[in-house]
C-alpha atoms as a PDB file:
ATOM      1  CA  MET A   1      20.004 -14.783 201.917  1.00  0.00           C
ATOM      2  CA  LYS A   2      23.270 -14.102 200.059  1.00  0.00           C
ATOM      3  CA  VAL A   3      23.637 -11.099 197.751  1.00  0.00           C
ATOM      4  CA  TYR A   4      26.102 -10.941 194.850  1.00  0.00           C
ATOM      5  CA  THR A   5      26.814  -8.447 192.126  1.00  0.00           C
ATOM      6  CA  TYR A   6      26.437  -9.747 188.591  1.00  0.00           C
ATOM      7  CA  SER A   7      30.222  -9.867 188.117  1.00  0.00           C
ATOM      8  CA  GLU A   8      30.772 -11.790 191.370  1.00  0.00           C
ATOM      9  CA  ALA A   9      28.031 -14.276 190.540  1.00  0.00           C
ATOM     10  CA  ARG A  10      29.412 -14.840 187.044  1.00  0.00           C
ATOM     11  CA  GLN A  11      32.935 -15.463 188.346  1.00  0.00           C
ATOM     12  CA  ARG A  12      31.773 -17.798 191.118  1.00  0.00           C
ATOM     13  CA  LEU A  13      28.724 -19.412 189.497  1.00  0.00           C
ATOM     14  CA  ALA A  14      29.356 -22.949 190.803  1.00  0.00           C
ATOM     15  CA  GLU A  15      29.644 -21.627 194.362  1.00  0.00           C
ATOM     16  CA  VAL A  16      26.522 -19.481 193.940  1.00  0.00           C
ATOM     17  CA  LEU A  17      24.511 -22.472 192.725  1.00  0.00           C
ATOM     18  CA  ASN A  18      25.724 -24.622 195.625  1.00  0.00           C
ATOM     19  CA  ILE A  19      24.698 -21.927 198.118  1.00  0.00           C
ATOM     20  CA  ALA A  20      21.306 -21.664 196.398  1.00  0.00           C
ATOM     21  CA  ARG A  21      20.661 -25.299 197.383  1.00  0.00           C
ATOM     22  CA  SER A  22      20.250 -24.189 201.005  1.00  0.00           C
ATOM     23  CA  GLU A  23      19.219 -20.527 200.814  1.00  0.00           C
ATOM     24  CA  GLU A  24      18.008 -17.867 198.414  1.00  0.00           C
ATOM     25  CA  VAL A  25      20.684 -16.069 196.399  1.00  0.00           C
ATOM     26  CA  VAL A  26      20.119 -12.557 195.042  1.00  0.00           C
ATOM     27  CA  ILE A  27      22.068 -11.109 192.107  1.00  0.00           C
ATOM     28  CA  LYS A  28      22.088  -7.349 191.533  1.00  0.00           C
ATOM     29  CA  ARG A  29      22.971  -5.797 188.191  1.00  0.00           C
ATOM     30  CA  ARG A  30      24.435  -2.352 187.689  1.00  0.00           C
ATOM     31  CA  GLY A  31      21.182  -0.979 186.225  1.00  0.00           C
ATOM     32  CA  GLY A  32      19.264  -1.856 189.405  1.00  0.00           C
ATOM     33  CA  GLU A  33      17.747  -5.127 188.224  1.00  0.00           C
ATOM     34  CA  ILE A  34      17.497  -7.793 190.925  1.00  0.00           C
ATOM     35  CA  PHE A  35      17.300 -11.555 190.294  1.00  0.00           C
ATOM     36  CA  SER A  36      16.689 -14.390 192.735  1.00  0.00           C
ATOM     37  CA  ILE A  37      18.088 -17.869 192.418  1.00  0.00           C
ATOM     38  CA  ILE A  38      16.024 -20.491 194.203  1.00  0.00           C
ATOM     39  CA  PHE A  39      16.831 -24.209 194.132  1.00  0.00           C
ATOM     40  CA  ARG A  40      13.942 -26.416 193.036  1.00  0.00           C
ATOM     41  CA  LYS A  41      14.197 -30.140 193.437  1.00  0.00           C
ATOM     42  CA  SER A  42      13.028 -32.190 190.491  1.00  0.00           C
ATOM     43  CA  LYS A  43       9.856 -34.114 191.301  1.00  0.00           C
ATOM     44  CA  LYS A  44      10.883 -37.229 189.405  1.00  0.00           C
ATOM     45  CA  SER A  45      13.769 -38.704 187.532  1.00  0.00           C
ATOM     46  CA  PRO A  46      13.943 -38.362 183.733  1.00  0.00           C
ATOM     47  CA  PHE A  47      14.625 -42.117 183.737  1.00  0.00           C
ATOM     48  CA  ASP A  48      11.370 -42.810 185.548  1.00  0.00           C
ATOM     49  CA  VAL A  49       9.380 -43.940 182.494  1.00  0.00           C
ATOM     50  CA  PRO A  50       6.463 -46.311 182.399  1.00  0.00           C
ATOM     51  CA  GLY A  51       7.242 -49.824 181.244  1.00  0.00           C
ATOM     52  CA  ILE A  52       5.604 -51.641 178.364  1.00  0.00           C
ATOM     53  CA  LYS A  53       4.056 -55.075 178.323  1.00  0.00           C
ATOM     54  CA  THR A  54       5.276 -57.410 175.616  1.00  0.00           C
ATOM     55  CA  LYS A  55       5.586 -61.096 174.963  1.00  0.00           C
ATOM     56  CA  ALA A  56       9.109 -60.654 173.546  1.00  0.00           C
ATOM     57  CA  THR A  57      11.755 -62.655 175.362  1.00  0.00           C
ATOM     58  CA  THR A  58      15.359 -61.672 175.950  1.00  0.00           C
ATOM     59  CA  LYS A  59      16.288 -64.076 173.155  1.00  0.00           C
ATOM     60  CA  ASP A  60      13.890 -62.290 170.757  1.00  0.00           C
ATOM     61  CA  ILE A  61      15.297 -58.857 171.648  1.00  0.00           C
ATOM     62  CA  LEU A  62      18.926 -59.971 171.228  1.00  0.00           C
ATOM     63  CA  ALA A  63      18.094 -61.534 167.851  1.00  0.00           C
ATOM     64  CA  ALA A  64      16.504 -58.266 166.707  1.00  0.00           C
ATOM     65  CA  VAL A  65      19.571 -56.286 167.812  1.00  0.00           C
ATOM     66  CA  ARG A  66      21.925 -58.667 165.966  1.00  0.00           C
ATOM     67  CA  GLU A  67      19.795 -58.479 162.819  1.00  0.00           C
ATOM     68  CA  SER A  68      19.764 -54.683 162.965  1.00  0.00           C
ATOM     69  CA  ARG A  69      23.555 -54.549 163.362  1.00  0.00           C
ATOM     70  CA  GLU A  70      24.030 -56.845 160.380  1.00  0.00           C
ATOM     71  CA  ARG A  71      21.778 -54.706 158.205  1.00  0.00           C
ATOM     72  CA  PHE A  72      23.213 -51.376 159.329  1.00  0.00           C
ATOM     73  CA  PRO A  73      26.853 -51.867 160.349  1.00  0.00           C
ATOM     74  CA  GLU A  74      28.524 -49.057 162.255  1.00  0.00           C
ATOM     75  CA  PRO A  75      30.679 -46.807 160.054  1.00  0.00           C
ATOM     76  CA  VAL A  76      34.425 -47.081 160.562  1.00  0.00           C
ATOM     77  CA  ARG A  77      35.822 -44.126 162.470  1.00  0.00           C
ATOM     78  CA  PRO A  78      38.669 -42.352 160.621  1.00  0.00           C
ATOM     79  CA  ASP A  79      40.956 -42.713 163.657  1.00  0.00           C
ATOM     80  CA  ARG A  80      40.538 -46.518 163.502  1.00  0.00           C
ATOM     81  CA  ILE A  81      41.666 -46.913 159.869  1.00  0.00           C
ATOM     82  CA  LYS A  82      45.082 -48.529 159.482  1.00  0.00           C
ATOM     83  CA  HIS A  83      47.091 -46.789 156.807  1.00  0.00           C
ATOM     84  CA  ARG A  84      49.349 -48.870 154.592  1.00  0.00           C
ATOM     85  CA  ARG A  85      52.725 -47.479 153.716  1.00  0.00           C
ATOM     86  CA  VAL A  86      53.037 -46.894 149.982  1.00  0.00           C
ATOM     87  CA  LYS A  87      56.397 -47.622 148.375  1.00  0.00           C
ATOM     88  CA  ARG A  88      57.806 -44.792 146.321  1.00  0.00           C
ATOM     89  CA  ALA A  89      58.489 -45.351 142.673  1.00  0.00           C
ATOM     90  CA  SER A  90      62.118 -45.886 141.862  1.00  0.00           C
ATOM     91  CA  HIS A  91      63.743 -43.344 139.586  1.00  0.00           C
ATOM     92  CA  GLY A  92      66.610 -45.496 138.306  1.00  0.00           C
ATOM     93  CA  PRO A  93      69.410 -47.229 140.125  1.00  0.00           C
ATOM     94  CA  ARG A  94      70.856 -45.596 143.238  1.00  0.00           C
ATOM     95  CA  ARG A  95      74.363 -44.419 143.116  1.00  0.00           C
ATOM     96  CA  LYS A  96      76.806 -44.474 145.984  1.00  0.00           C
ATOM     97  CA  GLY A  97      76.693 -40.664 146.508  1.00  0.00           C
ATOM     98  CA  ASP A  98      72.839 -40.379 146.436  1.00  0.00           C
ATOM     99  CA  LEU A  99      71.059 -39.938 149.750  1.00  0.00           C
END
């Protein structure tokens, strides 16, 4: 069991969590409060979802995706907009000394 003060644990949180994978970690606060960090392994993956049964083929699914994209096109991101240079209006003929 490793014991840290609150300040130590805060400064070295990643290390504390890695240690907690193999043993209990205790954090003590100035006021006397004591906390334990115990690693708990997740029982199952968040991606472990039950499948669904359908008669839709890959072709049907791709057609639905295409149709959806045609109906609701993605908005253009501001950083992808090409700006056209606008010519300034002329204020009379230029003279040799004008810059």
